[in-house]
Amino acid sequence: MQMVQLIPQIALGKYLYLEDFCTCSITYKNYADKIDILPKNPASLEALKSLTIKILDPIIDHFGIDKFKLTYGFCSADLKRYLNQKDPITGKKNGRIDPSRDQHIAHEMNKNGKYYCERLGAACDFLIVDFKSGHLVDWILEQQLPFDSLYFYGENRPIHISYGPQHKRDIWAFTATGQPTKKGIEDWVKLAKMIKL
C-alpha cells in the first residue's frame, strides 16, 4: 500500500510541530510510504502540546533549537505495527517499544476502544547535540520540570521523557545489558556524581 500523507502544520509549542513528532523516527523514515503516522484521538494532540509546552519549550529556550534533536516522538498504531516487525534485510527488529508503558502512543485507542497505554500523557526521546545526557538530566532536575518518567540510556544517547497526569518524576537508568533500574531523584544525584568522577 503506497501512502502519501500530508501532515497538517500544527504548532505544538514555540518551536516544534506535529510533523516533527510524527516523522523523526528511523522506522518512519524507512517505511514512510506505508505508515499512517497521524494521531486519531484529539486527546493525543493535546497531550503532545502539553509535553512540548511544559518540558520541551523550556529545554529549547535554554539550549537552543539548533542543538535540540528529536529522535523518537509520537507512535501511531500503524508505526507501532512496523516497529514490532523485523527489517527484511538485516533480520533485526525495527524498534524496541513498550506501548503499554512508554507513553509514546499518547491517548490512542485500539479497535476495542481501550487505550494502548493507560498511563496516558505523551513522550519523546531527544538529545542536545554536544552535551552529555547526564548533564541534561541534572539540568532538568534543577529546573524542576514536571516530568512523569525519564529514561537515561547513557551519556551519549538520547533521553526519554514523558509528561502525563501522574507526574511521578520516576527516573530509570539502564545497565550495560539493557536492564532497567529505577532511580529516585536522590539516587540519580548519587549516580550522576559517580558518572562524573
N, C-alpha and C. Protein backbone atom coordinates (compact mmCIF):
# COMPACT_ATOMS: atom_id res chain seq x y z
N MET A 1 0.84 -1.18 0.00
CA MET A 1 0.00 0.00 0.00
C MET A 1 0.88 1.24 0.00
N GLN A 2 0.82 2.04 -1.04
CA GLN A 2 1.56 3.29 -1.11
C GLN A 2 0.73 4.38 -0.45
N MET A 3 1.35 5.18 0.40
CA MET A 3 0.61 6.20 1.13
C MET A 3 1.37 7.52 1.03
N VAL A 4 0.73 8.53 0.52
CA VAL A 4 1.30 9.86 0.56
C VAL A 4 0.45 10.64 1.56
N GLN A 5 1.05 10.96 2.68
CA GLN A 5 0.29 11.56 3.76
C GLN A 5 0.72 13.00 3.98
N LEU A 6 -0.23 13.89 3.90
CA LEU A 6 0.04 15.28 4.20
C LEU A 6 -0.14 15.47 5.70
N ILE A 7 0.85 16.03 6.34
CA ILE A 7 0.79 16.26 7.78
C ILE A 7 0.47 17.72 8.01
N PRO A 8 -0.64 18.01 8.69
CA PRO A 8 -1.01 19.41 8.91
C PRO A 8 0.04 20.14 9.74
N GLN A 9 0.24 21.41 9.41
CA GLN A 9 1.21 22.24 10.14
C GLN A 9 0.56 22.71 11.44
N ILE A 10 0.65 21.86 12.44
CA ILE A 10 0.08 22.18 13.75
C ILE A 10 1.21 22.44 14.72
N ALA A 11 1.29 23.68 15.23
CA ALA A 11 2.31 24.03 16.22
C ALA A 11 1.94 23.39 17.55
N LEU A 12 2.92 22.75 18.18
CA LEU A 12 2.70 22.15 19.49
C LEU A 12 3.21 23.03 20.61
N GLY A 13 4.05 23.97 20.28
CA GLY A 13 4.62 24.90 21.25
C GLY A 13 5.30 26.01 20.47
N LYS A 14 6.36 26.55 21.05
CA LYS A 14 7.06 27.67 20.39
C LYS A 14 7.92 27.23 19.22
N TYR A 15 8.41 25.99 19.23
CA TYR A 15 9.40 25.57 18.26
C TYR A 15 9.00 24.35 17.43
N LEU A 16 8.26 23.44 18.00
CA LEU A 16 8.02 22.14 17.39
C LEU A 16 6.60 22.01 16.84
N TYR A 17 6.49 21.20 15.79
CA TYR A 17 5.23 20.96 15.10
C TYR A 17 4.88 19.48 15.17
N LEU A 18 3.62 19.17 14.92
CA LEU A 18 3.18 17.78 14.88
C LEU A 18 4.05 16.96 13.93
N GLU A 19 4.40 17.53 12.80
CA GLU A 19 5.24 16.83 11.83
C GLU A 19 6.56 16.38 12.44
N ASP A 20 7.16 17.22 13.29
CA ASP A 20 8.42 16.85 13.94
C ASP A 20 8.25 15.57 14.75
N PHE A 21 7.17 15.48 15.49
CA PHE A 21 6.92 14.31 16.34
C PHE A 21 6.58 13.06 15.54
N CYS A 22 5.93 13.26 14.40
CA CYS A 22 5.45 12.12 13.61
C CYS A 22 6.49 11.54 12.67
N THR A 23 7.50 12.30 12.29
CA THR A 23 8.40 11.87 11.22
C THR A 23 9.86 11.70 11.64
N CYS A 24 10.16 11.79 12.94
CA CYS A 24 11.56 11.78 13.35
C CYS A 24 12.17 10.39 13.52
N SER A 25 11.37 9.34 13.64
CA SER A 25 11.94 8.02 13.91
C SER A 25 12.55 7.39 12.66
N ILE A 26 13.56 6.57 12.87
CA ILE A 26 14.21 5.86 11.77
C ILE A 26 13.22 4.92 11.09
N THR A 27 12.38 4.27 11.88
CA THR A 27 11.40 3.34 11.29
C THR A 27 10.44 4.08 10.38
N TYR A 28 9.98 5.25 10.80
CA TYR A 28 9.10 6.02 9.92
C TYR A 28 9.84 6.34 8.61
N LYS A 29 11.07 6.78 8.71
CA LYS A 29 11.83 7.16 7.51
C LYS A 29 12.00 5.97 6.57
N ASN A 30 12.14 4.77 7.14
CA ASN A 30 12.31 3.57 6.31
C ASN A 30 11.02 3.12 5.64
N TYR A 31 9.88 3.43 6.24
CA TYR A 31 8.59 2.94 5.73
C TYR A 31 7.58 4.07 5.53
N ALA A 32 8.05 5.27 5.27
CA ALA A 32 7.18 6.45 5.22
C ALA A 32 6.01 6.30 4.25
N ASP A 33 6.23 5.61 3.16
CA ASP A 33 5.17 5.48 2.17
C ASP A 33 4.12 4.44 2.55
N LYS A 34 4.31 3.77 3.70
CA LYS A 34 3.38 2.72 4.12
C LYS A 34 2.68 3.03 5.44
N ILE A 35 3.17 4.01 6.20
CA ILE A 35 2.70 4.22 7.57
C ILE A 35 1.74 5.41 7.66
N ASP A 36 0.60 5.18 8.29
CA ASP A 36 -0.30 6.26 8.68
C ASP A 36 0.20 6.75 10.04
N ILE A 37 0.78 7.91 10.06
CA ILE A 37 1.53 8.37 11.22
C ILE A 37 0.75 9.30 12.15
N LEU A 38 -0.41 9.78 11.71
CA LEU A 38 -1.12 10.81 12.47
C LEU A 38 -1.92 10.25 13.64
N PRO A 39 -2.03 11.04 14.72
CA PRO A 39 -2.89 10.62 15.83
C PRO A 39 -4.35 10.61 15.38
N LYS A 40 -5.10 9.66 15.91
CA LYS A 40 -6.53 9.56 15.61
C LYS A 40 -7.39 10.17 16.71
N ASN A 41 -6.91 10.15 17.93
CA ASN A 41 -7.64 10.69 19.07
C ASN A 41 -7.18 12.13 19.31
N PRO A 42 -8.10 13.11 19.27
CA PRO A 42 -7.70 14.50 19.52
C PRO A 42 -6.99 14.69 20.86
N ALA A 43 -7.27 13.83 21.83
CA ALA A 43 -6.60 13.94 23.13
C ALA A 43 -5.10 13.68 23.00
N SER A 44 -4.68 12.90 22.00
CA SER A 44 -3.25 12.68 21.78
C SER A 44 -2.56 13.97 21.40
N LEU A 45 -3.20 14.75 20.55
CA LEU A 45 -2.63 16.03 20.13
C LEU A 45 -2.50 16.97 21.34
N GLU A 46 -3.50 16.99 22.19
CA GLU A 46 -3.43 17.83 23.39
C GLU A 46 -2.31 17.36 24.32
N ALA A 47 -2.12 16.05 24.43
CA ALA A 47 -1.04 15.52 25.27
C ALA A 47 0.33 15.91 24.72
N LEU A 48 0.47 15.86 23.38
CA LEU A 48 1.74 16.27 22.75
C LEU A 48 1.99 17.76 22.98
N LYS A 49 0.95 18.56 22.93
CA LYS A 49 1.09 20.00 23.20
C LYS A 49 1.55 20.22 24.64
N SER A 50 0.95 19.51 25.59
CA SER A 50 1.35 19.67 27.00
C SER A 50 2.80 19.28 27.21
N LEU A 51 3.22 18.15 26.64
CA LEU A 51 4.62 17.71 26.74
C LEU A 51 5.54 18.80 26.19
N THR A 52 5.18 19.35 25.05
CA THR A 52 6.02 20.35 24.41
C THR A 52 6.10 21.63 25.23
N ILE A 53 4.96 22.14 25.66
CA ILE A 53 4.94 23.41 26.38
C ILE A 53 5.56 23.30 27.76
N LYS A 54 5.26 22.23 28.49
CA LYS A 54 5.72 22.10 29.87
C LYS A 54 7.18 21.64 29.98
N ILE A 55 7.67 20.87 29.01
CA ILE A 55 9.02 20.31 29.14
C ILE A 55 9.95 20.74 28.01
N LEU A 56 9.54 20.55 26.77
CA LEU A 56 10.48 20.78 25.66
C LEU A 56 10.73 22.26 25.38
N ASP A 57 9.70 23.09 25.45
CA ASP A 57 9.93 24.54 25.23
C ASP A 57 10.97 25.11 26.19
N PRO A 58 10.88 24.84 27.52
CA PRO A 58 11.92 25.36 28.42
C PRO A 58 13.32 24.83 28.09
N ILE A 59 13.40 23.56 27.66
CA ILE A 59 14.70 22.99 27.30
C ILE A 59 15.26 23.70 26.07
N ILE A 60 14.43 23.89 25.06
CA ILE A 60 14.88 24.55 23.84
C ILE A 60 15.18 26.03 24.10
N ASP A 61 14.39 26.67 24.96
CA ASP A 61 14.67 28.07 25.34
C ASP A 61 16.11 28.19 25.86
N HIS A 62 16.52 27.21 26.66
CA HIS A 62 17.83 27.27 27.29
C HIS A 62 18.96 26.84 26.35
N PHE A 63 18.78 25.70 25.66
CA PHE A 63 19.88 25.14 24.86
C PHE A 63 19.86 25.57 23.40
N GLY A 64 18.71 26.03 22.90
CA GLY A 64 18.62 26.48 21.51
C GLY A 64 18.05 25.39 20.60
N ILE A 65 17.26 25.80 19.63
CA ILE A 65 16.64 24.86 18.70
C ILE A 65 17.68 24.18 17.81
N ASP A 66 18.78 24.85 17.54
CA ASP A 66 19.81 24.25 16.68
C ASP A 66 20.53 23.10 17.37
N LYS A 67 20.49 23.03 18.70
CA LYS A 67 21.14 21.95 19.46
C LYS A 67 20.18 20.81 19.80
N PHE A 68 18.88 21.07 19.67
CA PHE A 68 17.86 20.09 20.05
C PHE A 68 17.62 19.11 18.92
N LYS A 69 17.68 17.80 19.23
CA LYS A 69 17.44 16.78 18.20
C LYS A 69 16.43 15.76 18.72
N LEU A 70 15.24 15.77 18.14
CA LEU A 70 14.19 14.82 18.46
C LEU A 70 14.48 13.52 17.72
N THR A 71 14.55 12.39 18.45
CA THR A 71 14.89 11.12 17.79
C THR A 71 13.71 10.15 17.73
N TYR A 72 12.72 10.35 18.57
CA TYR A 72 11.53 9.50 18.56
C TYR A 72 10.42 10.28 19.25
N GLY A 73 9.31 10.43 18.56
CA GLY A 73 8.22 11.23 19.11
C GLY A 73 6.95 10.43 19.27
N PHE A 74 5.94 10.79 18.49
CA PHE A 74 4.64 10.13 18.58
C PHE A 74 4.67 8.80 17.83
N CYS A 75 4.05 7.78 18.45
CA CYS A 75 3.96 6.46 17.83
C CYS A 75 2.50 6.17 17.51
N SER A 76 2.14 6.24 16.25
CA SER A 76 0.79 5.87 15.84
C SER A 76 0.63 4.36 15.94
N ALA A 77 -0.61 3.90 15.91
CA ALA A 77 -0.85 2.45 15.94
C ALA A 77 -0.18 1.79 14.74
N ASP A 78 -0.17 2.47 13.61
CA ASP A 78 0.45 1.93 12.40
C ASP A 78 1.98 1.84 12.56
N LEU A 79 2.59 2.89 13.10
CA LEU A 79 4.03 2.87 13.35
C LEU A 79 4.37 1.75 14.34
N LYS A 80 3.54 1.57 15.37
CA LYS A 80 3.75 0.50 16.35
C LYS A 80 3.85 -0.85 15.66
N ARG A 81 2.98 -1.07 14.69
CA ARG A 81 2.98 -2.34 13.96
C ARG A 81 4.32 -2.54 13.24
N TYR A 82 4.85 -1.48 12.62
CA TYR A 82 6.13 -1.60 11.90
C TYR A 82 7.32 -1.72 12.86
N LEU A 83 7.24 -1.07 14.01
CA LEU A 83 8.31 -1.20 14.99
C LEU A 83 8.42 -2.64 15.50
N ASN A 84 7.31 -3.34 15.55
CA ASN A 84 7.31 -4.72 16.02
C ASN A 84 7.79 -5.72 14.97
N GLN A 85 7.94 -5.29 13.73
CA GLN A 85 8.37 -6.19 12.66
C GLN A 85 9.89 -6.20 12.53
N LYS A 86 10.39 -7.19 11.79
CA LYS A 86 11.83 -7.28 11.53
C LYS A 86 12.15 -6.65 10.18
N ASP A 87 13.30 -6.01 10.12
CA ASP A 87 13.78 -5.46 8.86
C ASP A 87 14.05 -6.61 7.90
N PRO A 88 13.51 -6.56 6.68
CA PRO A 88 13.68 -7.69 5.76
C PRO A 88 15.13 -7.92 5.33
N ILE A 89 15.98 -6.92 5.42
CA ILE A 89 17.37 -7.06 5.00
C ILE A 89 18.25 -7.54 6.16
N THR A 90 18.14 -6.87 7.32
CA THR A 90 19.01 -7.20 8.45
C THR A 90 18.46 -8.31 9.33
N GLY A 91 17.14 -8.51 9.29
CA GLY A 91 16.52 -9.51 10.16
C GLY A 91 16.35 -9.03 11.60
N LYS A 92 16.77 -7.78 11.87
CA LYS A 92 16.64 -7.22 13.22
C LYS A 92 15.30 -6.52 13.37
N LYS A 93 14.77 -6.58 14.58
CA LYS A 93 13.52 -5.88 14.87
C LYS A 93 13.71 -4.39 14.65
N ASN A 94 12.71 -3.73 14.07
CA ASN A 94 12.82 -2.31 13.75
C ASN A 94 12.96 -1.41 14.97
N GLY A 95 12.38 -1.81 16.08
CA GLY A 95 12.48 -0.95 17.25
C GLY A 95 12.19 -1.70 18.53
N ARG A 96 12.60 -1.08 19.63
CA ARG A 96 12.28 -1.60 20.95
C ARG A 96 11.22 -0.71 21.53
N ILE A 97 10.03 -1.24 21.69
CA ILE A 97 8.95 -0.42 22.21
C ILE A 97 8.18 -1.16 23.28
N ASP A 98 7.53 -0.40 24.12
CA ASP A 98 6.62 -0.96 25.11
C ASP A 98 5.41 -0.04 25.17
N PRO A 99 4.51 -0.15 24.18
CA PRO A 99 3.41 0.79 24.08
C PRO A 99 2.48 0.79 25.29
N SER A 100 2.49 -0.27 26.09
CA SER A 100 1.61 -0.29 27.26
C SER A 100 2.15 0.60 28.39
N ARG A 101 3.43 1.02 28.30
CA ARG A 101 4.02 1.82 29.38
C ARG A 101 4.74 3.09 28.93
N ASP A 102 5.28 3.12 27.71
CA ASP A 102 6.25 4.19 27.41
C ASP A 102 5.64 5.53 27.02
N GLN A 103 4.34 5.62 26.83
CA GLN A 103 3.59 6.86 26.59
C GLN A 103 3.83 7.50 25.22
N HIS A 104 4.63 6.88 24.36
CA HIS A 104 4.82 7.42 23.01
C HIS A 104 3.53 7.36 22.20
N ILE A 105 2.64 6.44 22.53
CA ILE A 105 1.41 6.26 21.77
C ILE A 105 0.29 7.17 22.31
N ALA A 106 0.63 7.96 23.32
CA ALA A 106 -0.25 9.00 23.87
C ALA A 106 -1.63 8.44 24.25
N HIS A 107 -2.69 9.01 23.68
CA HIS A 107 -4.06 8.63 24.05
C HIS A 107 -4.73 7.79 22.96
N GLU A 108 -3.94 7.15 22.12
CA GLU A 108 -4.52 6.35 21.04
C GLU A 108 -5.20 5.10 21.61
N MET A 109 -6.25 4.66 20.91
CA MET A 109 -7.03 3.51 21.37
C MET A 109 -7.02 2.40 20.33
N ASN A 110 -7.16 1.17 20.82
CA ASN A 110 -7.24 0.04 19.91
C ASN A 110 -8.66 -0.10 19.37
N LYS A 111 -8.90 -1.11 18.56
CA LYS A 111 -10.21 -1.26 17.92
C LYS A 111 -11.32 -1.55 18.91
N ASN A 112 -10.95 -1.97 20.14
CA ASN A 112 -11.95 -2.23 21.18
C ASN A 112 -12.21 -1.01 22.06
N GLY A 113 -11.61 0.13 21.70
CA GLY A 113 -11.83 1.36 22.47
C GLY A 113 -11.03 1.44 23.75
N LYS A 114 -9.99 0.62 23.89
CA LYS A 114 -9.13 0.67 25.09
C LYS A 114 -7.84 1.39 24.74
N TYR A 115 -7.32 2.16 25.69
CA TYR A 115 -6.05 2.85 25.48
C TYR A 115 -4.93 1.84 25.33
N TYR A 116 -4.04 2.06 24.37
CA TYR A 116 -2.84 1.24 24.27
C TYR A 116 -1.99 1.41 25.53
N CYS A 117 -1.94 2.64 26.04
CA CYS A 117 -1.17 2.96 27.24
C CYS A 117 -2.09 3.66 28.22
N GLU A 118 -2.44 2.98 29.29
CA GLU A 118 -3.37 3.55 30.26
C GLU A 118 -2.76 4.66 31.10
N ARG A 119 -1.46 4.84 30.99
CA ARG A 119 -0.80 5.93 31.73
C ARG A 119 -1.10 7.29 31.09
N LEU A 120 -1.53 7.26 29.84
CA LEU A 120 -1.87 8.47 29.07
C LEU A 120 -0.68 9.43 29.02
N GLY A 121 -0.92 10.70 28.75
CA GLY A 121 0.19 11.62 28.55
C GLY A 121 0.85 11.40 27.20
N ALA A 122 2.08 11.86 27.07
CA ALA A 122 2.85 11.72 25.83
C ALA A 122 4.33 11.68 26.18
N ALA A 123 5.13 11.15 25.25
CA ALA A 123 6.57 11.00 25.50
C ALA A 123 7.35 11.26 24.22
N CYS A 124 8.64 11.54 24.41
CA CYS A 124 9.56 11.65 23.27
C CYS A 124 10.96 11.30 23.74
N ASP A 125 11.83 11.01 22.78
CA ASP A 125 13.25 10.80 23.03
C ASP A 125 14.00 11.91 22.29
N PHE A 126 14.99 12.48 22.94
CA PHE A 126 15.74 13.57 22.31
C PHE A 126 17.11 13.68 22.94
N LEU A 127 17.96 14.45 22.29
CA LEU A 127 19.25 14.77 22.86
C LEU A 127 19.58 16.23 22.56
N ILE A 128 20.57 16.70 23.26
CA ILE A 128 21.13 18.03 22.99
C ILE A 128 22.51 17.77 22.40
N VAL A 129 22.72 18.23 21.19
CA VAL A 129 23.96 17.97 20.45
C VAL A 129 25.16 18.51 21.24
N ASP A 130 26.20 17.69 21.32
CA ASP A 130 27.45 18.04 22.01
C ASP A 130 27.25 18.36 23.50
N PHE A 131 26.28 17.69 24.12
CA PHE A 131 26.02 17.90 25.54
C PHE A 131 25.70 16.54 26.15
N LYS A 132 26.40 16.16 27.20
CA LYS A 132 26.21 14.86 27.82
C LYS A 132 24.80 14.72 28.38
N SER A 133 24.21 13.56 28.16
CA SER A 133 22.83 13.34 28.62
C SER A 133 22.71 13.36 30.13
N GLY A 134 23.76 12.95 30.84
CA GLY A 134 23.73 13.04 32.30
C GLY A 134 23.61 14.47 32.77
N HIS A 135 24.32 15.38 32.11
CA HIS A 135 24.22 16.80 32.46
C HIS A 135 22.85 17.35 32.12
N LEU A 136 22.26 16.83 31.03
CA LEU A 136 20.91 17.25 30.65
C LEU A 136 19.91 16.83 31.72
N VAL A 137 20.03 15.62 32.23
CA VAL A 137 19.14 15.16 33.31
C VAL A 137 19.33 16.05 34.54
N ASP A 138 20.58 16.36 34.88
CA ASP A 138 20.85 17.26 36.01
C ASP A 138 20.12 18.59 35.82
N TRP A 139 20.20 19.15 34.61
CA TRP A 139 19.57 20.44 34.33
C TRP A 139 18.05 20.33 34.48
N ILE A 140 17.46 19.26 33.95
CA ILE A 140 16.01 19.05 34.06
C ILE A 140 15.59 19.00 35.53
N LEU A 141 16.38 18.32 36.36
CA LEU A 141 16.07 18.23 37.79
C LEU A 141 16.23 19.59 38.48
N GLU A 142 17.28 20.31 38.11
CA GLU A 142 17.49 21.65 38.70
C GLU A 142 16.33 22.58 38.37
N GLN A 143 15.80 22.47 37.17
CA GLN A 143 14.69 23.33 36.75
C GLN A 143 13.34 22.85 37.29
N GLN A 144 13.34 21.67 37.89
CA GLN A 144 12.13 21.06 38.45
C GLN A 144 11.03 20.93 37.39
N LEU A 145 11.43 20.49 36.19
CA LEU A 145 10.43 20.28 35.14
C LEU A 145 9.53 19.12 35.55
N PRO A 146 8.23 19.22 35.26
CA PRO A 146 7.24 18.28 35.79
C PRO A 146 7.08 17.00 34.96
N PHE A 147 8.14 16.22 34.83
CA PHE A 147 8.04 15.01 34.01
C PHE A 147 7.36 13.88 34.77
N ASP A 148 6.90 12.90 34.01
CA ASP A 148 6.30 11.70 34.58
C ASP A 148 7.38 10.62 34.70
N SER A 149 7.99 10.25 33.57
CA SER A 149 9.10 9.29 33.58
C SER A 149 10.25 9.82 32.74
N LEU A 150 11.46 9.50 33.17
CA LEU A 150 12.67 9.87 32.44
C LEU A 150 13.53 8.62 32.36
N TYR A 151 13.97 8.27 31.15
CA TYR A 151 14.85 7.11 30.96
C TYR A 151 16.21 7.63 30.52
N PHE A 152 17.24 7.23 31.27
CA PHE A 152 18.62 7.59 30.94
C PHE A 152 19.30 6.34 30.41
N TYR A 153 19.68 6.37 29.12
CA TYR A 153 20.27 5.20 28.46
C TYR A 153 21.79 5.25 28.42
N GLY A 154 22.37 6.41 28.69
CA GLY A 154 23.82 6.55 28.63
C GLY A 154 24.18 7.98 28.24
N GLU A 155 25.42 8.34 28.53
CA GLU A 155 25.87 9.73 28.35
C GLU A 155 25.73 10.25 26.92
N ASN A 156 25.94 9.39 25.93
CA ASN A 156 25.93 9.86 24.54
C ASN A 156 24.71 9.38 23.77
N ARG A 157 23.65 9.06 24.50
CA ARG A 157 22.42 8.59 23.88
C ARG A 157 21.26 9.53 24.23
N PRO A 158 20.21 9.53 23.43
CA PRO A 158 19.05 10.37 23.77
C PRO A 158 18.43 9.93 25.10
N ILE A 159 17.74 10.85 25.74
CA ILE A 159 16.94 10.51 26.92
C ILE A 159 15.48 10.41 26.48
N HIS A 160 14.72 9.67 27.25
CA HIS A 160 13.27 9.55 27.06
C HIS A 160 12.63 10.36 28.18
N ILE A 161 11.63 11.17 27.84
CA ILE A 161 10.92 11.92 28.87
C ILE A 161 9.44 11.94 28.53
N SER A 162 8.61 11.86 29.57
CA SER A 162 7.17 11.90 29.34
C SER A 162 6.53 12.92 30.26
N TYR A 163 5.37 13.39 29.81
CA TYR A 163 4.54 14.29 30.61
C TYR A 163 3.16 13.68 30.62
N GLY A 164 2.67 13.37 31.81
CA GLY A 164 1.36 12.74 31.91
C GLY A 164 0.69 13.10 33.21
N PRO A 165 -0.50 12.61 33.42
CA PRO A 165 -1.28 13.01 34.60
C PRO A 165 -0.69 12.56 35.93
N GLN A 166 0.19 11.57 35.92
CA GLN A 166 0.72 11.06 37.19
C GLN A 166 1.84 11.92 37.77
N HIS A 167 2.62 12.58 36.93
CA HIS A 167 3.76 13.41 37.38
C HIS A 167 4.60 12.68 38.43
N LYS A 168 4.95 11.43 38.16
CA LYS A 168 5.66 10.61 39.14
C LYS A 168 7.10 11.05 39.36
N ARG A 169 7.71 11.65 38.35
CA ARG A 169 9.13 12.02 38.40
C ARG A 169 10.00 10.78 38.65
N ASP A 170 9.66 9.68 38.00
CA ASP A 170 10.47 8.46 38.07
C ASP A 170 11.65 8.58 37.11
N ILE A 171 12.80 8.14 37.57
CA ILE A 171 13.99 8.08 36.72
C ILE A 171 14.41 6.62 36.61
N TRP A 172 14.62 6.20 35.36
CA TRP A 172 15.10 4.84 35.10
C TRP A 172 16.45 4.95 34.40
N ALA A 173 17.43 4.25 34.95
CA ALA A 173 18.74 4.14 34.29
C ALA A 173 18.84 2.70 33.80
N PHE A 174 19.72 2.46 32.84
CA PHE A 174 19.83 1.13 32.24
C PHE A 174 21.25 0.62 32.35
N THR A 175 21.36 -0.65 32.69
CA THR A 175 22.68 -1.27 32.79
C THR A 175 23.23 -1.50 31.38
N ALA A 176 24.48 -1.96 31.31
CA ALA A 176 25.12 -2.22 30.01
C ALA A 176 24.37 -3.28 29.21
N THR A 177 23.66 -4.18 29.92
CA THR A 177 22.90 -5.22 29.23
C THR A 177 21.46 -4.79 28.93
N GLY A 178 21.13 -3.53 29.26
CA GLY A 178 19.79 -3.03 28.95
C GLY A 178 18.76 -3.26 30.03
N GLN A 179 19.19 -3.70 31.21
CA GLN A 179 18.25 -3.91 32.31
C GLN A 179 17.88 -2.57 32.94
N PRO A 180 16.58 -2.29 33.08
CA PRO A 180 16.18 -1.03 33.71
C PRO A 180 16.32 -1.10 35.23
N THR A 181 16.78 -0.02 35.81
CA THR A 181 16.86 0.11 37.26
C THR A 181 16.22 1.44 37.64
N LYS A 182 15.29 1.39 38.56
CA LYS A 182 14.57 2.60 38.96
C LYS A 182 15.42 3.41 39.92
N LYS A 183 15.50 4.68 39.64
CA LYS A 183 16.27 5.59 40.48
C LYS A 183 15.34 6.69 40.99
N GLY A 184 15.42 6.98 42.27
CA GLY A 184 14.75 8.16 42.78
C GLY A 184 15.61 9.37 42.46
N ILE A 185 15.10 10.54 42.72
CA ILE A 185 15.87 11.76 42.47
C ILE A 185 17.18 11.71 43.25
N GLU A 186 17.11 11.27 44.51
CA GLU A 186 18.32 11.19 45.34
C GLU A 186 19.31 10.18 44.76
N ASP A 187 18.79 9.04 44.31
CA ASP A 187 19.65 8.02 43.70
C ASP A 187 20.31 8.56 42.43
N TRP A 188 19.55 9.36 41.65
CA TRP A 188 20.13 9.93 40.43
C TRP A 188 21.29 10.83 40.77
N VAL A 189 21.14 11.67 41.80
CA VAL A 189 22.20 12.60 42.18
C VAL A 189 23.46 11.81 42.53
N LYS A 190 23.31 10.69 43.27
CA LYS A 190 24.46 9.84 43.60
C LYS A 190 25.08 9.24 42.34
N LEU A 191 24.23 8.70 41.45
CA LEU A 191 24.71 8.10 40.21
C LEU A 191 25.42 9.15 39.36
N ALA A 192 24.86 10.35 39.28
CA ALA A 192 25.46 11.41 38.46
C ALA A 192 26.85 11.76 38.97
N LYS A 193 27.01 11.78 40.29
CA LYS A 193 28.33 12.07 40.86
C LYS A 193 29.32 10.99 40.46
N MET A 194 28.89 9.72 40.48
CA MET A 194 29.79 8.62 40.10
C MET A 194 30.16 8.71 38.62
N ILE A 195 29.21 9.07 37.76
CA ILE A 195 29.47 9.18 36.32
C ILE A 195 30.51 10.26 36.07
N LYS A 196 30.45 11.34 36.84
CA LYS A 196 31.35 12.48 36.61
C LYS A 196 32.74 12.26 37.16
N LEU A 197 32.91 11.27 38.03
CA LEU A 197 34.25 11.02 38.63
C LEU A 197 35.24 10.50 37.59
